[in-house]
Amino acid sequence: MDTIQQLKDELTQEYQTTKKFISIFPDGKNDYAPHEKSMKLMPLATHIVEVFAWPETILNTEVLDFGKDEYKPTILNNRQELLGKLEADYETGMAAIAKIDEDKLNGTWALAHNGHQLAKWSKYGAIRHSLNQITHHRAQLGVYYRLLEIALPGSYGPSADDSNF
């Protein structure tokens, strides 16, 4: 089994699906949130596109500690910036995966906050988790779009908005 190729294939599939969602991002709705405890639309979309670069971080570090200012979220303002960030971060993630060998996937990687470990995986498991994060948050974005009356593109097949079905 070629694990590296499988990761590249899955990242590419998630990129293609995510690009459909980001391509219809509603400019002018950056601060929309369906609930006071919900993330706002632009930060949610920005987080989704940033996850595409996570393989590079995962493969080149042992831990990411959010409490030690090791991560600064990107501030984006519109659809075009989102699309540019998606493209750049996808290329970063793919390049990182392409230049490693499978043995490096056995190392460990963790998320922490001020030294308190929140989660720990193998580097392979951390990359798989990041792919799951893309899917999870893209579905969340779909709910926001639905509430804003924006027709949804299909993800793994047609959506209820596809006119062919």
C-alpha atoms as a PDB file:
ATOM      1  CA  MET A   1       0.000   0.000   0.000  1.00  0.00           C
ATOM      2  CA  ASP A   2       1.336   3.439  -0.910  1.00  0.00           C
ATOM      3  CA  THR A   3       0.311   5.539   2.079  1.00  0.00           C
ATOM      4  CA  ILE A   4       1.947   8.699   0.740  1.00  0.00           C
ATOM      5  CA  GLN A   5       0.006   8.487  -2.528  1.00  0.00           C
ATOM      6  CA  GLN A   6      -3.231   7.823  -0.655  1.00  0.00           C
ATOM      7  CA  LEU A   7      -2.714  10.940   1.484  1.00  0.00           C
ATOM      8  CA  LYS A   8      -1.957  13.009  -1.622  1.00  0.00           C
ATOM      9  CA  ASP A   9      -5.046  11.647  -3.391  1.00  0.00           C
ATOM     10  CA  GLU A  10      -7.289  12.398  -0.423  1.00  0.00           C
ATOM     11  CA  LEU A  11      -5.880  15.897   0.057  1.00  0.00           C
ATOM     12  CA  THR A  12      -6.507  16.555  -3.648  1.00  0.00           C
ATOM     13  CA  GLN A  13     -10.091  15.288  -3.442  1.00  0.00           C
ATOM     14  CA  GLU A  14     -10.794  17.454  -0.386  1.00  0.00           C
ATOM     15  CA  TYR A  15      -9.180  20.438  -2.129  1.00  0.00           C
ATOM     16  CA  GLN A  16     -11.390  20.033  -5.203  1.00  0.00           C
ATOM     17  CA  THR A  17     -14.538  19.745  -3.092  1.00  0.00           C
ATOM     18  CA  THR A  18     -13.558  22.629  -0.810  1.00  0.00           C
ATOM     19  CA  LYS A  19     -12.778  24.850  -3.789  1.00  0.00           C
ATOM     20  CA  LYS A  20     -16.413  24.485  -4.931  1.00  0.00           C
ATOM     21  CA  PHE A  21     -17.585  25.733  -1.524  1.00  0.00           C
ATOM     22  CA  ILE A  22     -15.086  28.593  -1.296  1.00  0.00           C
ATOM     23  CA  SER A  23     -15.888  29.668  -4.874  1.00  0.00           C
ATOM     24  CA  ILE A  24     -19.406  30.583  -3.753  1.00  0.00           C
ATOM     25  CA  PHE A  25     -18.409  32.319  -0.514  1.00  0.00           C
ATOM     26  CA  PRO A  26     -20.827  35.222  -0.053  1.00  0.00           C
ATOM     27  CA  ASP A  27     -18.813  38.426   0.054  1.00  0.00           C
ATOM     28  CA  GLY A  28     -20.359  40.869   2.474  1.00  0.00           C
ATOM     29  CA  LYS A  29     -21.366  38.132   4.954  1.00  0.00           C
ATOM     30  CA  ASN A  30     -18.021  37.747   6.760  1.00  0.00           C
ATOM     31  CA  ASP A  31     -19.526  38.366  10.196  1.00  0.00           C
ATOM     32  CA  TYR A  32     -22.553  36.099   9.772  1.00  0.00           C
ATOM     33  CA  ALA A  33     -22.985  33.452  12.473  1.00  0.00           C
ATOM     34  CA  PRO A  34     -26.124  31.374  13.067  1.00  0.00           C
ATOM     35  CA  HIS A  35     -25.732  31.590  16.840  1.00  0.00           C
ATOM     36  CA  GLU A  36     -23.819  33.752  19.315  1.00  0.00           C
ATOM     37  CA  LYS A  37     -21.583  30.785  20.189  1.00  0.00           C
ATOM     38  CA  SER A  38     -20.889  29.952  16.542  1.00  0.00           C
ATOM     39  CA  MET A  39     -17.753  30.977  14.701  1.00  0.00           C
ATOM     40  CA  LYS A  40     -18.324  33.760  12.191  1.00  0.00           C
ATOM     41  CA  LEU A  41     -18.423  32.853   8.510  1.00  0.00           C
ATOM     42  CA  MET A  42     -15.079  34.316   7.374  1.00  0.00           C
ATOM     43  CA  PRO A  43     -13.031  32.894  10.253  1.00  0.00           C
ATOM     44  CA  LEU A  44     -14.675  29.500   9.633  1.00  0.00           C
ATOM     45  CA  ALA A  45     -13.852  29.570   5.922  1.00  0.00           C
ATOM     46  CA  THR A  46     -10.327  30.795   6.670  1.00  0.00           C
ATOM     47  CA  HIS A  47      -9.791  27.948   9.127  1.00  0.00           C
ATOM     48  CA  ILE A  48     -10.899  25.413   6.519  1.00  0.00           C
ATOM     49  CA  VAL A  49      -8.429  26.638   3.910  1.00  0.00           C
ATOM     50  CA  GLU A  50      -5.595  26.872   6.447  1.00  0.00           C
ATOM     51  CA  VAL A  51      -5.970  23.205   7.365  1.00  0.00           C
ATOM     52  CA  PHE A  52      -4.659  22.288   3.902  1.00  0.00           C
ATOM     53  CA  ALA A  53      -1.182  23.437   5.023  1.00  0.00           C
ATOM     54  CA  TRP A  54      -1.262  21.438   8.261  1.00  0.00           C
ATOM     55  CA  PRO A  55       0.672  18.473   6.816  1.00  0.00           C
ATOM     56  CA  GLU A  56       3.696  20.756   6.522  1.00  0.00           C
ATOM     57  CA  THR A  57       3.440  21.754  10.194  1.00  0.00           C
ATOM     58  CA  ILE A  58       2.723  18.207  11.343  1.00  0.00           C
ATOM     59  CA  LEU A  59       5.640  16.717   9.434  1.00  0.00           C
ATOM     60  CA  ASN A  60       8.138  19.351  10.577  1.00  0.00           C
ATOM     61  CA  THR A  61       7.253  19.750  14.262  1.00  0.00           C
ATOM     62  CA  GLU A  62       6.465  17.569  17.263  1.00  0.00           C
ATOM     63  CA  VAL A  63       3.809  19.754  18.901  1.00  0.00           C
ATOM     64  CA  LEU A  64       1.710  22.843  18.267  1.00  0.00           C
ATOM     65  CA  ASP A  65       0.946  24.767  21.444  1.00  0.00           C
ATOM     66  CA  PHE A  66      -1.879  27.247  20.931  1.00  0.00           C
ATOM     67  CA  GLY A  67      -1.228  28.893  24.295  1.00  0.00           C
ATOM     68  CA  LYS A  68       2.330  29.855  23.409  1.00  0.00           C
ATOM     69  CA  ASP A  69       1.448  31.993  20.388  1.00  0.00           C
ATOM     70  CA  GLU A  70       2.862  29.399  18.007  1.00  0.00           C
ATOM     71  CA  TYR A  71      -0.189  29.799  15.780  1.00  0.00           C
ATOM     72  CA  LYS A  72      -1.592  33.035  14.408  1.00  0.00           C
ATOM     73  CA  PRO A  73      -4.751  32.703  12.332  1.00  0.00           C
ATOM     74  CA  THR A  74      -4.737  34.421   8.973  1.00  0.00           C
ATOM     75  CA  ILE A  75      -7.084  37.359   8.500  1.00  0.00           C
ATOM     76  CA  LEU A  76      -8.832  37.291   5.113  1.00  0.00           C
ATOM     77  CA  ASN A  77     -11.460  39.666   3.796  1.00  0.00           C
ATOM     78  CA  ASN A  78     -13.137  38.237   0.701  1.00  0.00           C
ATOM     79  CA  ARG A  79     -13.678  35.262  -1.600  1.00  0.00           C
ATOM     80  CA  GLN A  80     -10.652  36.016  -3.771  1.00  0.00           C
ATOM     81  CA  GLU A  81      -8.346  36.040  -0.760  1.00  0.00           C
ATOM     82  CA  LEU A  82      -9.880  32.765   0.433  1.00  0.00           C
ATOM     83  CA  LEU A  83      -9.324  31.162  -2.975  1.00  0.00           C
ATOM     84  CA  GLY A  84      -5.713  32.367  -3.058  1.00  0.00           C
ATOM     85  CA  LYS A  85      -5.049  31.053   0.456  1.00  0.00           C
ATOM     86  CA  LEU A  86      -6.702  27.732  -0.389  1.00  0.00           C
ATOM     87  CA  GLU A  87      -4.475  27.303  -3.432  1.00  0.00           C
ATOM     88  CA  ALA A  88      -1.286  28.270  -1.573  1.00  0.00           C
ATOM     89  CA  ASP A  89      -2.009  26.093   1.459  1.00  0.00           C
ATOM     90  CA  TYR A  90      -2.998  23.109  -0.679  1.00  0.00           C
ATOM     91  CA  GLU A  91       0.313  23.397  -2.532  1.00  0.00           C
ATOM     92  CA  THR A  92       2.173  23.660   0.804  1.00  0.00           C
ATOM     93  CA  GLY A  93       0.457  20.545   2.177  1.00  0.00           C
ATOM     94  CA  MET A  94       1.018  18.550  -1.011  1.00  0.00           C
ATOM     95  CA  ALA A  95       4.700  19.523  -1.196  1.00  0.00           C
ATOM     96  CA  ALA A  96       5.239  18.446   2.417  1.00  0.00           C
ATOM     97  CA  ILE A  97       3.615  15.061   1.849  1.00  0.00           C
ATOM     98  CA  ALA A  98       5.434  14.534  -1.456  1.00  0.00           C
ATOM     99  CA  LYS A  99       8.907  14.929   0.036  1.00  0.00           C
ATOM    100  CA  ILE A 100       8.653  12.535   2.988  1.00  0.00           C
ATOM    101  CA  ASP A 101       9.067   8.801   3.275  1.00  0.00           C
ATOM    102  CA  GLU A 102       6.575   6.568   5.031  1.00  0.00           C
ATOM    103  CA  ASP A 103       8.813   6.034   8.068  1.00  0.00           C
ATOM    104  CA  LYS A 104       8.398   9.698   9.024  1.00  0.00           C
ATOM    105  CA  LEU A 105       4.640   9.101   9.356  1.00  0.00           C
ATOM    106  CA  ASN A 106       5.341   6.940  12.435  1.00  0.00           C
ATOM    107  CA  GLY A 107       6.636   9.859  14.505  1.00  0.00           C
ATOM    108  CA  THR A 108       4.309  11.538  16.985  1.00  0.00           C
ATOM    109  CA  TRP A 109       2.634  14.921  16.897  1.00  0.00           C
ATOM    110  CA  ALA A 110       0.512  16.679  19.511  1.00  0.00           C
ATOM    111  CA  LEU A 111      -1.731  19.665  20.056  1.00  0.00           C
ATOM    112  CA  ALA A 112      -1.294  21.504  23.354  1.00  0.00           C
ATOM    113  CA  HIS A 113      -2.369  24.613  25.208  1.00  0.00           C
ATOM    114  CA  ASN A 114       0.185  26.172  27.547  1.00  0.00           C
ATOM    115  CA  GLY A 115       2.004  22.867  27.866  1.00  0.00           C
ATOM    116  CA  HIS A 116      -1.161  20.843  28.543  1.00  0.00           C
ATOM    117  CA  GLN A 117      -1.442  18.163  25.889  1.00  0.00           C
ATOM    118  CA  LEU A 118      -4.870  18.188  24.230  1.00  0.00           C
ATOM    119  CA  ALA A 119      -4.358  15.364  21.740  1.00  0.00           C
ATOM    120  CA  LYS A 120      -1.554  13.186  20.409  1.00  0.00           C
ATOM    121  CA  TRP A 121      -1.325  11.045  17.279  1.00  0.00           C
ATOM    122  CA  SER A 122       1.201   9.467  14.997  1.00  0.00           C
ATOM    123  CA  LYS A 123       2.109  11.955  12.274  1.00  0.00           C
ATOM    124  CA  TYR A 124      -0.004   9.846   9.926  1.00  0.00           C
ATOM    125  CA  GLY A 125      -2.894  10.003  12.385  1.00  0.00           C
ATOM    126  CA  ALA A 126      -2.500  13.770  12.747  1.00  0.00           C
ATOM    127  CA  ILE A 127      -2.665  14.238   8.974  1.00  0.00           C
ATOM    128  CA  ARG A 128      -5.743  11.989   8.823  1.00  0.00           C
ATOM    129  CA  HIS A 129      -7.279  14.047  11.639  1.00  0.00           C
ATOM    130  CA  SER A 130      -6.618  17.241   9.678  1.00  0.00           C
ATOM    131  CA  LEU A 131      -8.379  15.745   6.658  1.00  0.00           C
ATOM    132  CA  ASN A 132     -11.329  14.966   8.922  1.00  0.00           C
ATOM    133  CA  GLN A 133     -11.245  18.578  10.141  1.00  0.00           C
ATOM    134  CA  ILE A 134     -11.606  19.799   6.561  1.00  0.00           C
ATOM    135  CA  THR A 135     -14.669  17.602   6.062  1.00  0.00           C
ATOM    136  CA  HIS A 136     -16.182  18.539   9.423  1.00  0.00           C
ATOM    137  CA  HIS A 137     -15.794  22.281   9.028  1.00  0.00           C
ATOM    138  CA  ARG A 138     -16.826  22.234   5.365  1.00  0.00           C
ATOM    139  CA  ALA A 139     -20.097  20.585   6.454  1.00  0.00           C
ATOM    140  CA  GLN A 140     -20.466  23.342   9.042  1.00  0.00           C
ATOM    141  CA  LEU A 141     -19.905  25.896   6.261  1.00  0.00           C
ATOM    142  CA  GLY A 142     -22.640  24.135   4.275  1.00  0.00           C
ATOM    143  CA  VAL A 143     -25.101  24.678   7.130  1.00  0.00           C
ATOM    144  CA  TYR A 144     -24.242  28.394   7.176  1.00  0.00           C
ATOM    145  CA  TYR A 145     -24.754  28.549   3.402  1.00  0.00           C
ATOM    146  CA  ARG A 146     -28.076  26.747   3.672  1.00  0.00           C
ATOM    147  CA  LEU A 147     -29.257  29.239   6.320  1.00  0.00           C
ATOM    148  CA  LEU A 148     -28.197  32.062   3.982  1.00  0.00           C
ATOM    149  CA  GLU A 149     -30.199  30.474   1.115  1.00  0.00           C
ATOM    150  CA  ILE A 150     -27.040  29.673  -0.867  1.00  0.00           C
ATOM    151  CA  ALA A 151     -27.357  26.576  -3.063  1.00  0.00           C
ATOM    152  CA  LEU A 152     -24.868  23.908  -2.003  1.00  0.00           C
ATOM    153  CA  PRO A 153     -22.483  22.138  -4.347  1.00  0.00           C
ATOM    154  CA  GLY A 154     -22.170  18.390  -4.019  1.00  0.00           C
ATOM    155  CA  SER A 155     -19.386  17.004  -1.865  1.00  0.00           C
ATOM    156  CA  TYR A 156     -19.212  13.248  -2.456  1.00  0.00           C
ATOM    157  CA  GLY A 157     -22.064  13.140  -4.930  1.00  0.00           C
ATOM    158  CA  PRO A 158     -24.887  15.483  -5.828  1.00  0.00           C
ATOM    159  CA  SER A 159     -26.472  17.804  -3.300  1.00  0.00           C
ATOM    160  CA  ALA A 160     -30.188  18.459  -2.928  1.00  0.00           C
ATOM    161  CA  ASP A 161     -29.549  21.653  -4.932  1.00  0.00           C
ATOM    162  CA  ASP A 162     -28.179  19.887  -8.009  1.00  0.00           C
ATOM    163  CA  SER A 163     -30.771  20.373 -10.740  1.00  0.00           C
ATOM    164  CA  ASN A 164     -29.922  17.073 -12.412  1.00  0.00           C
ATOM    165  CA  PHE A 165     -31.370  15.066  -9.524  1.00  0.00           C
END
